[in-house]
Amino acid sequence: WIGLVVAWFGGATYRPLAWLLTLGLLGHL
């Protein structure tokens, strides 16, 4: 959860990672 929050709110640098993790988690579940 810390990783997801930081990826989403840690700035534009981490935004692609946030999308990748979120879509990957929700898609496979």
mmCIF file of all heavy atoms, coordinates in Angstrom:
data_MODEL
# 
_entry.id   MODEL 
# 
loop_
_atom_site.group_PDB 
_atom_site.id 
_atom_site.type_symbol 
_atom_site.label_atom_id 
_atom_site.label_alt_id 
_atom_site.label_comp_id 
_atom_site.label_asym_id 
_atom_site.label_entity_id 
_atom_site.label_seq_id 
_atom_site.pdbx_PDB_ins_code 
_atom_site.Cartn_x 
_atom_site.Cartn_y 
_atom_site.Cartn_z 
_atom_site.occupancy 
_atom_site.B_iso_or_equiv 
_atom_site.pdbx_formal_charge 
_atom_site.auth_seq_id 
_atom_site.auth_comp_id 
_atom_site.auth_asym_id 
_atom_site.auth_atom_id 
_atom_site.pdbx_PDB_model_num 
ATOM 1   N N   . TRP A 1 1  ? 0.826  -1.208  0.000   1.00 0.00 ? 1  TRP A N   1 
ATOM 2   C CA  . TRP A 1 1  ? 0.000  0.000   0.000   1.00 0.00 ? 1  TRP A CA  1 
ATOM 3   C C   . TRP A 1 1  ? 0.860  1.257   0.000   1.00 0.00 ? 1  TRP A C   1 
ATOM 4   O O   . TRP A 1 1  ? 0.530  2.245   -0.670  1.00 0.00 ? 1  TRP A O   1 
ATOM 5   C CB  . TRP A 1 1  ? -0.943 0.000   1.198   1.00 0.00 ? 1  TRP A CB  1 
ATOM 6   C CG  . TRP A 1 1  ? -2.133 -0.882  1.012   1.00 0.00 ? 1  TRP A CG  1 
ATOM 7   C CD1 . TRP A 1 1  ? -2.451 -2.012  1.703   1.00 0.00 ? 1  TRP A CD1 1 
ATOM 8   C CD2 . TRP A 1 1  ? -3.172 -0.701  0.044   1.00 0.00 ? 1  TRP A CD2 1 
ATOM 9   N NE1 . TRP A 1 1  ? -3.614 -2.563  1.237   1.00 0.00 ? 1  TRP A NE1 1 
ATOM 10  C CE2 . TRP A 1 1  ? -4.086 -1.783  0.214   1.00 0.00 ? 1  TRP A CE2 1 
ATOM 11  C CE3 . TRP A 1 1  ? -3.420 0.232   -0.952  1.00 0.00 ? 1  TRP A CE3 1 
ATOM 12  C CZ2 . TRP A 1 1  ? -5.223 -1.919  -0.576  1.00 0.00 ? 1  TRP A CZ2 1 
ATOM 13  C CZ3 . TRP A 1 1  ? -4.556 0.087   -1.744  1.00 0.00 ? 1  TRP A CZ3 1 
ATOM 14  C CH2 . TRP A 1 1  ? -5.436 -0.971  -1.551  1.00 0.00 ? 1  TRP A CH2 1 
ATOM 15  N N   . ILE A 1 2  ? 1.969  1.220   0.739   1.00 0.00 ? 2  ILE A N   1 
ATOM 16  C CA  . ILE A 1 2  ? 2.883  2.377   0.718   1.00 0.00 ? 2  ILE A CA  1 
ATOM 17  C C   . ILE A 1 2  ? 3.413  2.594   -0.692  1.00 0.00 ? 2  ILE A C   1 
ATOM 18  O O   . ILE A 1 2  ? 3.466  3.733   -1.188  1.00 0.00 ? 2  ILE A O   1 
ATOM 19  C CB  . ILE A 1 2  ? 4.040  2.156   1.706   1.00 0.00 ? 2  ILE A CB  1 
ATOM 20  C CG1 . ILE A 1 2  ? 3.528  2.219   3.146   1.00 0.00 ? 2  ILE A CG1 1 
ATOM 21  C CG2 . ILE A 1 2  ? 5.136  3.200   1.494   1.00 0.00 ? 2  ILE A CG2 1 
ATOM 22  C CD1 . ILE A 1 2  ? 4.574  1.858   4.183   1.00 0.00 ? 2  ILE A CD1 1 
ATOM 23  N N   . GLY A 1 3  ? 3.803  1.501   -1.357  1.00 0.00 ? 3  GLY A N   1 
ATOM 24  C CA  . GLY A 1 3  ? 4.314  1.620   -2.712  1.00 0.00 ? 3  GLY A CA  1 
ATOM 25  C C   . GLY A 1 3  ? 3.288  2.211   -3.659  1.00 0.00 ? 3  GLY A C   1 
ATOM 26  O O   . GLY A 1 3  ? 3.607  3.065   -4.497  1.00 0.00 ? 3  GLY A O   1 
ATOM 27  N N   . LEU A 1 4  ? 2.025  1.776   -3.547  1.00 0.00 ? 4  LEU A N   1 
ATOM 28  C CA  . LEU A 1 4  ? 0.981  2.305   -4.427  1.00 0.00 ? 4  LEU A CA  1 
ATOM 29  C C   . LEU A 1 4  ? 0.720  3.778   -4.160  1.00 0.00 ? 4  LEU A C   1 
ATOM 30  O O   . LEU A 1 4  ? 0.565  4.578   -5.096  1.00 0.00 ? 4  LEU A O   1 
ATOM 31  C CB  . LEU A 1 4  ? -0.306 1.498   -4.229  1.00 0.00 ? 4  LEU A CB  1 
ATOM 32  C CG  . LEU A 1 4  ? -0.318 0.081   -4.807  1.00 0.00 ? 4  LEU A CG  1 
ATOM 33  C CD1 . LEU A 1 4  ? -1.581 -0.659  -4.383  1.00 0.00 ? 4  LEU A CD1 1 
ATOM 34  C CD2 . LEU A 1 4  ? -0.226 0.120   -6.330  1.00 0.00 ? 4  LEU A CD2 1 
ATOM 35  N N   . VAL A 1 5  ? 0.650  4.149   -2.887  1.00 0.00 ? 5  VAL A N   1 
ATOM 36  C CA  . VAL A 1 5  ? 0.389  5.557   -2.540  1.00 0.00 ? 5  VAL A CA  1 
ATOM 37  C C   . VAL A 1 5  ? 1.515  6.450   -3.022  1.00 0.00 ? 5  VAL A C   1 
ATOM 38  O O   . VAL A 1 5  ? 1.281  7.525   -3.616  1.00 0.00 ? 5  VAL A O   1 
ATOM 39  C CB  . VAL A 1 5  ? 0.191  5.690   -1.017  1.00 0.00 ? 5  VAL A CB  1 
ATOM 40  C CG1 . VAL A 1 5  ? 0.156  7.166   -0.609  1.00 0.00 ? 5  VAL A CG1 1 
ATOM 41  C CG2 . VAL A 1 5  ? -1.092 4.994   -0.570  1.00 0.00 ? 5  VAL A CG2 1 
ATOM 42  N N   . VAL A 1 6  ? 2.763  6.025   -2.802  1.00 0.00 ? 6  VAL A N   1 
ATOM 43  C CA  . VAL A 1 6  ? 3.908  6.832   -3.235  1.00 0.00 ? 6  VAL A CA  1 
ATOM 44  C C   . VAL A 1 6  ? 3.934  6.939   -4.760  1.00 0.00 ? 6  VAL A C   1 
ATOM 45  O O   . VAL A 1 6  ? 4.215  8.006   -5.320  1.00 0.00 ? 6  VAL A O   1 
ATOM 46  C CB  . VAL A 1 6  ? 5.220  6.223   -2.709  1.00 0.00 ? 6  VAL A CB  1 
ATOM 47  C CG1 . VAL A 1 6  ? 6.430  6.931   -3.329  1.00 0.00 ? 6  VAL A CG1 1 
ATOM 48  C CG2 . VAL A 1 6  ? 5.274  6.320   -1.196  1.00 0.00 ? 6  VAL A CG2 1 
ATOM 49  N N   . ALA A 1 7  ? 3.623  5.836   -5.446  1.00 0.00 ? 7  ALA A N   1 
ATOM 50  C CA  . ALA A 1 7  ? 3.635  5.865   -6.908  1.00 0.00 ? 7  ALA A CA  1 
ATOM 51  C C   . ALA A 1 7  ? 2.600  6.841   -7.453  1.00 0.00 ? 7  ALA A C   1 
ATOM 52  O O   . ALA A 1 7  ? 2.855  7.560   -8.436  1.00 0.00 ? 7  ALA A O   1 
ATOM 53  C CB  . ALA A 1 7  ? 3.386  4.461   -7.464  1.00 0.00 ? 7  ALA A CB  1 
ATOM 54  N N   . TRP A 1 8  ? 1.428  6.912   -6.808  1.00 0.00 ? 8  TRP A N   1 
ATOM 55  C CA  . TRP A 1 8  ? 0.375  7.794   -7.289  1.00 0.00 ? 8  TRP A CA  1 
ATOM 56  C C   . TRP A 1 8  ? 0.605  9.253   -6.899  1.00 0.00 ? 8  TRP A C   1 
ATOM 57  O O   . TRP A 1 8  ? 0.310  10.167  -7.682  1.00 0.00 ? 8  TRP A O   1 
ATOM 58  C CB  . TRP A 1 8  ? -0.989 7.333   -6.760  1.00 0.00 ? 8  TRP A CB  1 
ATOM 59  C CG  . TRP A 1 8  ? -1.630 6.297   -7.620  1.00 0.00 ? 8  TRP A CG  1 
ATOM 60  C CD1 . TRP A 1 8  ? -1.829 4.994   -7.326  1.00 0.00 ? 8  TRP A CD1 1 
ATOM 61  C CD2 . TRP A 1 8  ? -2.150 6.482   -8.948  1.00 0.00 ? 8  TRP A CD2 1 
ATOM 62  N NE1 . TRP A 1 8  ? -2.423 4.337   -8.375  1.00 0.00 ? 8  TRP A NE1 1 
ATOM 63  C CE2 . TRP A 1 8  ? -2.642 5.231   -9.386  1.00 0.00 ? 8  TRP A CE2 1 
ATOM 64  C CE3 . TRP A 1 8  ? -2.241 7.581   -9.805  1.00 0.00 ? 8  TRP A CE3 1 
ATOM 65  C CZ2 . TRP A 1 8  ? -3.215 5.047   -10.639 1.00 0.00 ? 8  TRP A CZ2 1 
ATOM 66  C CZ3 . TRP A 1 8  ? -2.810 7.393   -11.063 1.00 0.00 ? 8  TRP A CZ3 1 
ATOM 67  C CH2 . TRP A 1 8  ? -3.286 6.147   -11.456 1.00 0.00 ? 8  TRP A CH2 1 
ATOM 68  N N   . PHE A 1 9  ? 1.128  9.472   -5.715  1.00 0.00 ? 9  PHE A N   1 
ATOM 69  C CA  . PHE A 1 9  ? 1.223  10.848  -5.215  1.00 0.00 ? 9  PHE A CA  1 
ATOM 70  C C   . PHE A 1 9  ? 2.661  11.334  -5.073  1.00 0.00 ? 9  PHE A C   1 
ATOM 71  O O   . PHE A 1 9  ? 2.891  12.401  -4.501  1.00 0.00 ? 9  PHE A O   1 
ATOM 72  C CB  . PHE A 1 9  ? 0.522  10.948  -3.854  1.00 0.00 ? 9  PHE A CB  1 
ATOM 73  C CG  . PHE A 1 9  ? -0.933 10.582  -3.913  1.00 0.00 ? 9  PHE A CG  1 
ATOM 74  C CD1 . PHE A 1 9  ? -1.362 9.351   -3.443  1.00 0.00 ? 9  PHE A CD1 1 
ATOM 75  C CD2 . PHE A 1 9  ? -1.873 11.465  -4.456  1.00 0.00 ? 9  PHE A CD2 1 
ATOM 76  C CE1 . PHE A 1 9  ? -2.706 8.994   -3.505  1.00 0.00 ? 9  PHE A CE1 1 
ATOM 77  C CE2 . PHE A 1 9  ? -3.206 11.117  -4.518  1.00 0.00 ? 9  PHE A CE2 1 
ATOM 78  C CZ  . PHE A 1 9  ? -3.627 9.876   -4.050  1.00 0.00 ? 9  PHE A CZ  1 
ATOM 79  N N   . GLY A 1 10 ? 3.614  10.565  -5.608  1.00 0.00 ? 10 GLY A N   1 
ATOM 80  C CA  . GLY A 1 10 ? 5.016  10.958  -5.482  1.00 0.00 ? 10 GLY A CA  1 
ATOM 81  C C   . GLY A 1 10 ? 5.528  11.809  -6.620  1.00 0.00 ? 10 GLY A C   1 
ATOM 82  O O   . GLY A 1 10 ? 6.736  12.040  -6.717  1.00 0.00 ? 10 GLY A O   1 
ATOM 83  N N   . GLY A 1 11 ? 4.647  12.240  -7.494  1.00 0.00 ? 11 GLY A N   1 
ATOM 84  C CA  . GLY A 1 11 ? 5.078  13.083  -8.596  1.00 0.00 ? 11 GLY A CA  1 
ATOM 85  C C   . GLY A 1 11 ? 4.944  12.382  -9.939  1.00 0.00 ? 11 GLY A C   1 
ATOM 86  O O   . GLY A 1 11 ? 4.679  11.176  -10.018 1.00 0.00 ? 11 GLY A O   1 
ATOM 87  N N   . ALA A 1 12 ? 5.145  13.193  -11.005 1.00 0.00 ? 12 ALA A N   1 
ATOM 88  C CA  . ALA A 1 12 ? 4.956  12.678  -12.360 1.00 0.00 ? 12 ALA A CA  1 
ATOM 89  C C   . ALA A 1 12 ? 5.953  11.577  -12.711 1.00 0.00 ? 12 ALA A C   1 
ATOM 90  O O   . ALA A 1 12 ? 5.680  10.736  -13.572 1.00 0.00 ? 12 ALA A O   1 
ATOM 91  C CB  . ALA A 1 12 ? 5.069  13.818  -13.372 1.00 0.00 ? 12 ALA A CB  1 
ATOM 92  N N   . THR A 1 13 ? 7.105  11.550  -12.035 1.00 0.00 ? 13 THR A N   1 
ATOM 93  C CA  . THR A 1 13 ? 8.122  10.544  -12.342 1.00 0.00 ? 13 THR A CA  1 
ATOM 94  C C   . THR A 1 13 ? 7.602  9.132   -12.118 1.00 0.00 ? 13 THR A C   1 
ATOM 95  O O   . THR A 1 13 ? 7.925  8.202   -12.878 1.00 0.00 ? 13 THR A O   1 
ATOM 96  C CB  . THR A 1 13 ? 9.368  10.775  -11.476 1.00 0.00 ? 13 THR A CB  1 
ATOM 97  O OG1 . THR A 1 13 ? 9.858  12.102  -11.700 1.00 0.00 ? 13 THR A OG1 1 
ATOM 98  C CG2 . THR A 1 13 ? 10.461 9.768   -11.825 1.00 0.00 ? 13 THR A CG2 1 
ATOM 99  N N   . TYR A 1 14 ? 6.799  8.973   -11.064 1.00 0.00 ? 14 TYR A N   1 
ATOM 100 C CA  . TYR A 1 14 ? 6.317  7.642   -10.707 1.00 0.00 ? 14 TYR A CA  1 
ATOM 101 C C   . TYR A 1 14 ? 4.935  7.319   -11.282 1.00 0.00 ? 14 TYR A C   1 
ATOM 102 O O   . TYR A 1 14 ? 4.419  6.228   -11.058 1.00 0.00 ? 14 TYR A O   1 
ATOM 103 C CB  . TYR A 1 14 ? 6.245  7.507   -9.183  1.00 0.00 ? 14 TYR A CB  1 
ATOM 104 C CG  . TYR A 1 14 ? 7.549  7.764   -8.477  1.00 0.00 ? 14 TYR A CG  1 
ATOM 105 C CD1 . TYR A 1 14 ? 7.614  8.593   -7.365  1.00 0.00 ? 14 TYR A CD1 1 
ATOM 106 C CD2 . TYR A 1 14 ? 8.722  7.170   -8.922  1.00 0.00 ? 14 TYR A CD2 1 
ATOM 107 C CE1 . TYR A 1 14 ? 8.813  8.823   -6.710  1.00 0.00 ? 14 TYR A CE1 1 
ATOM 108 C CE2 . TYR A 1 14 ? 9.922  7.398   -8.285  1.00 0.00 ? 14 TYR A CE2 1 
ATOM 109 C CZ  . TYR A 1 14 ? 9.970  8.226   -7.172  1.00 0.00 ? 14 TYR A CZ  1 
ATOM 110 O OH  . TYR A 1 14 ? 11.162 8.456   -6.534  1.00 0.00 ? 14 TYR A OH  1 
ATOM 111 N N   . ARG A 1 15 ? 4.332  8.256   -11.997 1.00 0.00 ? 15 ARG A N   1 
ATOM 112 C CA  . ARG A 1 15 ? 2.964  8.014   -12.467 1.00 0.00 ? 15 ARG A CA  1 
ATOM 113 C C   . ARG A 1 15 ? 2.848  6.817   -13.420 1.00 0.00 ? 15 ARG A C   1 
ATOM 114 O O   . ARG A 1 15 ? 1.884  6.047   -13.311 1.00 0.00 ? 15 ARG A O   1 
ATOM 115 C CB  . ARG A 1 15 ? 2.428  9.290   -13.131 1.00 0.00 ? 15 ARG A CB  1 
ATOM 116 C CG  . ARG A 1 15 ? 0.910  9.292   -13.332 1.00 0.00 ? 15 ARG A CG  1 
ATOM 117 C CD  . ARG A 1 15 ? 0.158  9.079   -12.016 1.00 0.00 ? 15 ARG A CD  1 
ATOM 118 N NE  . ARG A 1 15 ? 0.558  9.970   -10.966 1.00 0.00 ? 15 ARG A NE  1 
ATOM 119 C CZ  . ARG A 1 15 ? 0.133  11.221  -10.821 1.00 0.00 ? 15 ARG A CZ  1 
ATOM 120 N NH1 . ARG A 1 15 ? -0.714 11.719  -11.689 1.00 0.00 ? 15 ARG A NH1 1 
ATOM 121 N NH2 . ARG A 1 15 ? 0.542  11.955  -9.805  1.00 0.00 ? 15 ARG A NH2 1 
ATOM 122 N N   . PRO A 1 16 ? 3.777  6.594   -14.344 1.00 0.00 ? 16 PRO A N   1 
ATOM 123 C CA  . PRO A 1 16 ? 3.668  5.383   -15.180 1.00 0.00 ? 16 PRO A CA  1 
ATOM 124 C C   . PRO A 1 16 ? 3.690  4.101   -14.358 1.00 0.00 ? 16 PRO A C   1 
ATOM 125 O O   . PRO A 1 16 ? 2.968  3.150   -14.660 1.00 0.00 ? 16 PRO A O   1 
ATOM 126 C CB  . PRO A 1 16 ? 4.888  5.481   -16.109 1.00 0.00 ? 16 PRO A CB  1 
ATOM 127 C CG  . PRO A 1 16 ? 5.193  6.949   -16.167 1.00 0.00 ? 16 PRO A CG  1 
ATOM 128 C CD  . PRO A 1 16 ? 4.880  7.470   -14.801 1.00 0.00 ? 16 PRO A CD  1 
ATOM 129 N N   . LEU A 1 17 ? 4.529  4.085   -13.317 1.00 0.00 ? 17 LEU A N   1 
ATOM 130 C CA  . LEU A 1 17 ? 4.566  2.912   -12.442 1.00 0.00 ? 17 LEU A CA  1 
ATOM 131 C C   . LEU A 1 17 ? 3.234  2.735   -11.726 1.00 0.00 ? 17 LEU A C   1 
ATOM 132 O O   . LEU A 1 17 ? 2.743  1.598   -11.569 1.00 0.00 ? 17 LEU A O   1 
ATOM 133 C CB  . LEU A 1 17 ? 5.691  3.047   -11.427 1.00 0.00 ? 17 LEU A CB  1 
ATOM 134 C CG  . LEU A 1 17 ? 5.812  1.915   -10.392 1.00 0.00 ? 17 LEU A CG  1 
ATOM 135 C CD1 . LEU A 1 17 ? 6.103  0.586   -11.088 1.00 0.00 ? 17 LEU A CD1 1 
ATOM 136 C CD2 . LEU A 1 17 ? 6.886  2.228   -9.358  1.00 0.00 ? 17 LEU A CD2 1 
ATOM 137 N N   . ALA A 1 18 ? 2.625  3.840   -11.301 1.00 0.00 ? 18 ALA A N   1 
ATOM 138 C CA  . ALA A 1 18 ? 1.333  3.767   -10.619 1.00 0.00 ? 18 ALA A CA  1 
ATOM 139 C C   . ALA A 1 18 ? 0.273  3.147   -11.528 1.00 0.00 ? 18 ALA A C   1 
ATOM 140 O O   . ALA A 1 18 ? -0.505 2.285   -11.100 1.00 0.00 ? 18 ALA A O   1 
ATOM 141 C CB  . ALA A 1 18 ? 0.907  5.159   -10.170 1.00 0.00 ? 18 ALA A CB  1 
ATOM 142 N N   . TRP A 1 19 ? 0.245  3.585   -12.780 1.00 0.00 ? 19 TRP A N   1 
ATOM 143 C CA  . TRP A 1 19 ? -0.730 3.021   -13.727 1.00 0.00 ? 19 TRP A CA  1 
ATOM 144 C C   . TRP A 1 19 ? -0.462 1.540   -13.984 1.00 0.00 ? 19 TRP A C   1 
ATOM 145 O O   . TRP A 1 19 ? -1.384 0.723   -14.044 1.00 0.00 ? 19 TRP A O   1 
ATOM 146 C CB  . TRP A 1 19 ? -0.686 3.801   -15.040 1.00 0.00 ? 19 TRP A CB  1 
ATOM 147 C CG  . TRP A 1 19 ? -1.478 5.071   -15.009 1.00 0.00 ? 19 TRP A CG  1 
ATOM 148 C CD1 . TRP A 1 19 ? -0.994 6.343   -14.991 1.00 0.00 ? 19 TRP A CD1 1 
ATOM 149 C CD2 . TRP A 1 19 ? -2.907 5.180   -14.984 1.00 0.00 ? 19 TRP A CD2 1 
ATOM 150 N NE1 . TRP A 1 19 ? -2.024 7.251   -14.958 1.00 0.00 ? 19 TRP A NE1 1 
ATOM 151 C CE2 . TRP A 1 19 ? -3.220 6.570   -14.952 1.00 0.00 ? 19 TRP A CE2 1 
ATOM 152 C CE3 . TRP A 1 19 ? -3.948 4.273   -14.974 1.00 0.00 ? 19 TRP A CE3 1 
ATOM 153 C CZ2 . TRP A 1 19 ? -4.521 7.048   -14.924 1.00 0.00 ? 19 TRP A CZ2 1 
ATOM 154 C CZ3 . TRP A 1 19 ? -5.258 4.738   -14.936 1.00 0.00 ? 19 TRP A CZ3 1 
ATOM 155 C CH2 . TRP A 1 19 ? -5.536 6.107   -14.913 1.00 0.00 ? 19 TRP A CH2 1 
ATOM 156 N N   . LEU A 1 20 ? 0.815  1.196   -14.155 1.00 0.00 ? 20 LEU A N   1 
ATOM 157 C CA  . LEU A 1 20 ? 1.177  -0.192  -14.425 1.00 0.00 ? 20 LEU A CA  1 
ATOM 158 C C   . LEU A 1 20 ? 0.751  -1.096  -13.274 1.00 0.00 ? 20 LEU A C   1 
ATOM 159 O O   . LEU A 1 20 ? 0.132  -2.155  -13.487 1.00 0.00 ? 20 LEU A O   1 
ATOM 160 C CB  . LEU A 1 20 ? 2.691  -0.305  -14.640 1.00 0.00 ? 20 LEU A CB  1 
ATOM 161 C CG  . LEU A 1 20 ? 3.235  -1.726  -14.810 1.00 0.00 ? 20 LEU A CG  1 
ATOM 162 C CD1 . LEU A 1 20 ? 2.696  -2.361  -16.086 1.00 0.00 ? 20 LEU A CD1 1 
ATOM 163 C CD2 . LEU A 1 20 ? 4.769  -1.709  -14.831 1.00 0.00 ? 20 LEU A CD2 1 
ATOM 164 N N   . LEU A 1 21 ? 1.064  -0.690  -12.039 1.00 0.00 ? 21 LEU A N   1 
ATOM 165 C CA  . LEU A 1 21 ? 0.723  -1.518  -10.884 1.00 0.00 ? 21 LEU A CA  1 
ATOM 166 C C   . LEU A 1 21 ? -0.790 -1.621  -10.702 1.00 0.00 ? 21 LEU A C   1 
ATOM 167 O O   . LEU A 1 21 ? -1.324 -2.704  -10.463 1.00 0.00 ? 21 LEU A O   1 
ATOM 168 C CB  . LEU A 1 21 ? 1.361  -0.929  -9.621  1.00 0.00 ? 21 LEU A CB  1 
ATOM 169 C CG  . LEU A 1 21 ? 2.883  -0.994  -9.534  1.00 0.00 ? 21 LEU A CG  1 
ATOM 170 C CD1 . LEU A 1 21 ? 3.385  -0.273  -8.297  1.00 0.00 ? 21 LEU A CD1 1 
ATOM 171 C CD2 . LEU A 1 21 ? 3.355  -2.447  -9.531  1.00 0.00 ? 21 LEU A CD2 1 
ATOM 172 N N   . THR A 1 22 ? -1.486 -0.496  -10.824 1.00 0.00 ? 22 THR A N   1 
ATOM 173 C CA  . THR A 1 22 ? -2.927 -0.494  -10.593 1.00 0.00 ? 22 THR A CA  1 
ATOM 174 C C   . THR A 1 22 ? -3.663 -1.322  -11.634 1.00 0.00 ? 22 THR A C   1 
ATOM 175 O O   . THR A 1 22 ? -4.516 -2.158  -11.309 1.00 0.00 ? 22 THR A O   1 
ATOM 176 C CB  . THR A 1 22 ? -3.465 0.942   -10.595 1.00 0.00 ? 22 THR A CB  1 
ATOM 177 O OG1 . THR A 1 22 ? -2.786 1.692   -9.580  1.00 0.00 ? 22 THR A OG1 1 
ATOM 178 C CG2 . THR A 1 22 ? -4.962 0.957   -10.311 1.00 0.00 ? 22 THR A CG2 1 
ATOM 179 N N   . LEU A 1 23 ? -3.336 -1.106  -12.902 1.00 0.00 ? 23 LEU A N   1 
ATOM 180 C CA  . LEU A 1 23 ? -3.990 -1.871  -13.958 1.00 0.00 ? 23 LEU A CA  1 
ATOM 181 C C   . LEU A 1 23 ? -3.625 -3.353  -13.879 1.00 0.00 ? 23 LEU A C   1 
ATOM 182 O O   . LEU A 1 23 ? -4.476 -4.224  -14.114 1.00 0.00 ? 23 LEU A O   1 
ATOM 183 C CB  . LEU A 1 23 ? -3.611 -1.312  -15.328 1.00 0.00 ? 23 LEU A CB  1 
ATOM 184 C CG  . LEU A 1 23 ? -4.143 0.097   -15.643 1.00 0.00 ? 23 LEU A CG  1 
ATOM 185 C CD1 . LEU A 1 23 ? -3.628 0.564   -17.007 1.00 0.00 ? 23 LEU A CD1 1 
ATOM 186 C CD2 . LEU A 1 23 ? -5.664 0.124   -15.611 1.00 0.00 ? 23 LEU A CD2 1 
ATOM 187 N N   . GLY A 1 24 ? -2.390 -3.651  -13.545 1.00 0.00 ? 24 GLY A N   1 
ATOM 188 C CA  . GLY A 1 24 ? -1.982 -5.042  -13.418 1.00 0.00 ? 24 GLY A CA  1 
ATOM 189 C C   . GLY A 1 24 ? -2.692 -5.750  -12.280 1.00 0.00 ? 24 GLY A C   1 
ATOM 190 O O   . GLY A 1 24 ? -3.167 -6.878  -12.434 1.00 0.00 ? 24 GLY A O   1 
ATOM 191 N N   . LEU A 1 25 ? -2.792 -5.094  -11.135 1.00 0.00 ? 25 LEU A N   1 
ATOM 192 C CA  . LEU A 1 25 ? -3.459 -5.695  -9.981  1.00 0.00 ? 25 LEU A CA  1 
ATOM 193 C C   . LEU A 1 25 ? -4.946 -5.888  -10.228 1.00 0.00 ? 25 LEU A C   1 
ATOM 194 O O   . LEU A 1 25 ? -5.491 -6.983  -10.043 1.00 0.00 ? 25 LEU A O   1 
ATOM 195 C CB  . LEU A 1 25 ? -3.237 -4.812  -8.742  1.00 0.00 ? 25 LEU A CB  1 
ATOM 196 C CG  . LEU A 1 25 ? -1.827 -4.818  -8.162  1.00 0.00 ? 25 LEU A CG  1 
ATOM 197 C CD1 . LEU A 1 25 ? -1.648 -3.674  -7.173  1.00 0.00 ? 25 LEU A CD1 1 
ATOM 198 C CD2 . LEU A 1 25 ? -1.539 -6.158  -7.474  1.00 0.00 ? 25 LEU A CD2 1 
ATOM 199 N N   . LEU A 1 26 ? -5.612 -4.824  -10.653 1.00 0.00 ? 26 LEU A N   1 
ATOM 200 C CA  . LEU A 1 26 ? -7.060 -4.914  -10.863 1.00 0.00 ? 26 LEU A CA  1 
ATOM 201 C C   . LEU A 1 26 ? -7.401 -5.844  -12.021 1.00 0.00 ? 26 LEU A C   1 
ATOM 202 O O   . LEU A 1 26 ? -8.367 -6.614  -11.957 1.00 0.00 ? 26 LEU A O   1 
ATOM 203 C CB  . LEU A 1 26 ? -7.633 -3.521  -11.123 1.00 0.00 ? 26 LEU A CB  1 
ATOM 204 C CG  . LEU A 1 26 ? -7.582 -2.534  -9.948  1.00 0.00 ? 26 LEU A CG  1 
ATOM 205 C CD1 . LEU A 1 26 ? -8.156 -1.185  -10.353 1.00 0.00 ? 26 LEU A CD1 1 
ATOM 206 C CD2 . LEU A 1 26 ? -8.339 -3.097  -8.739  1.00 0.00 ? 26 LEU A CD2 1 
ATOM 207 N N   . GLY A 1 27 ? -6.614 -5.784  -13.087 1.00 0.00 ? 27 GLY A N   1 
ATOM 208 C CA  . GLY A 1 27 ? -6.898 -6.610  -14.255 1.00 0.00 ? 27 GLY A CA  1 
ATOM 209 C C   . GLY A 1 27 ? -6.800 -8.094  -13.956 1.00 0.00 ? 27 GLY A C   1 
ATOM 210 O O   . GLY A 1 27 ? -7.675 -8.869  -14.343 1.00 0.00 ? 27 GLY A O   1 
ATOM 211 N N   . HIS A 1 28 ? -5.764 -8.508  -13.252 1.00 0.00 ? 28 HIS A N   1 
ATOM 212 C CA  . HIS A 1 28 ? -5.597 -9.931  -12.978 1.00 0.00 ? 28 HIS A CA  1 
ATOM 213 C C   . HIS A 1 28 ? -6.555 -10.426 -11.902 1.00 0.00 ? 28 HIS A C   1 
ATOM 214 O O   . HIS A 1 28 ? -7.009 -11.568 -11.952 1.00 0.00 ? 28 HIS A O   1 
ATOM 215 C CB  . HIS A 1 28 ? -4.147 -10.219 -12.588 1.00 0.00 ? 28 HIS A CB  1 
ATOM 216 C CG  . HIS A 1 28 ? -3.214 -10.178 -13.744 1.00 0.00 ? 28 HIS A CG  1 
ATOM 217 N ND1 . HIS A 1 28 ? -2.491 -9.055  -14.087 1.00 0.00 ? 28 HIS A ND1 1 
ATOM 218 C CD2 . HIS A 1 28 ? -2.895 -11.117 -14.683 1.00 0.00 ? 28 HIS A CD2 1 
ATOM 219 C CE1 . HIS A 1 28 ? -1.765 -9.301  -15.159 1.00 0.00 ? 28 HIS A CE1 1 
ATOM 220 N NE2 . HIS A 1 28 ? -1.987 -10.534 -15.545 1.00 0.00 ? 28 HIS A NE2 1 
ATOM 221 N N   . LEU A 1 29 ? -6.878 -9.576  -10.938 1.00 0.00 ? 29 LEU A N   1 
ATOM 222 C CA  . LEU A 1 29 ? -7.877 -9.976  -9.942  1.00 0.00 ? 29 LEU A CA  1 
ATOM 223 C C   . LEU A 1 29 ? -9.249 -10.119 -10.602 1.00 0.00 ? 29 LEU A C   1 
ATOM 224 O O   . LEU A 1 29 ? -9.990 -11.074 -10.319 1.00 0.00 ? 29 LEU A O   1 
ATOM 225 C CB  . LEU A 1 29 ? -7.941 -8.943  -8.813  1.00 0.00 ? 29 LEU A CB  1 
ATOM 226 C CG  . LEU A 1 29 ? -8.918 -9.262  -7.675  1.00 0.00 ? 29 LEU A CG  1 
ATOM 227 C CD1 . LEU A 1 29 ? -8.545 -10.563 -6.978  1.00 0.00 ? 29 LEU A CD1 1 
ATOM 228 C CD2 . LEU A 1 29 ? -8.942 -8.114  -6.663  1.00 0.00 ? 29 LEU A CD2 1 
# 
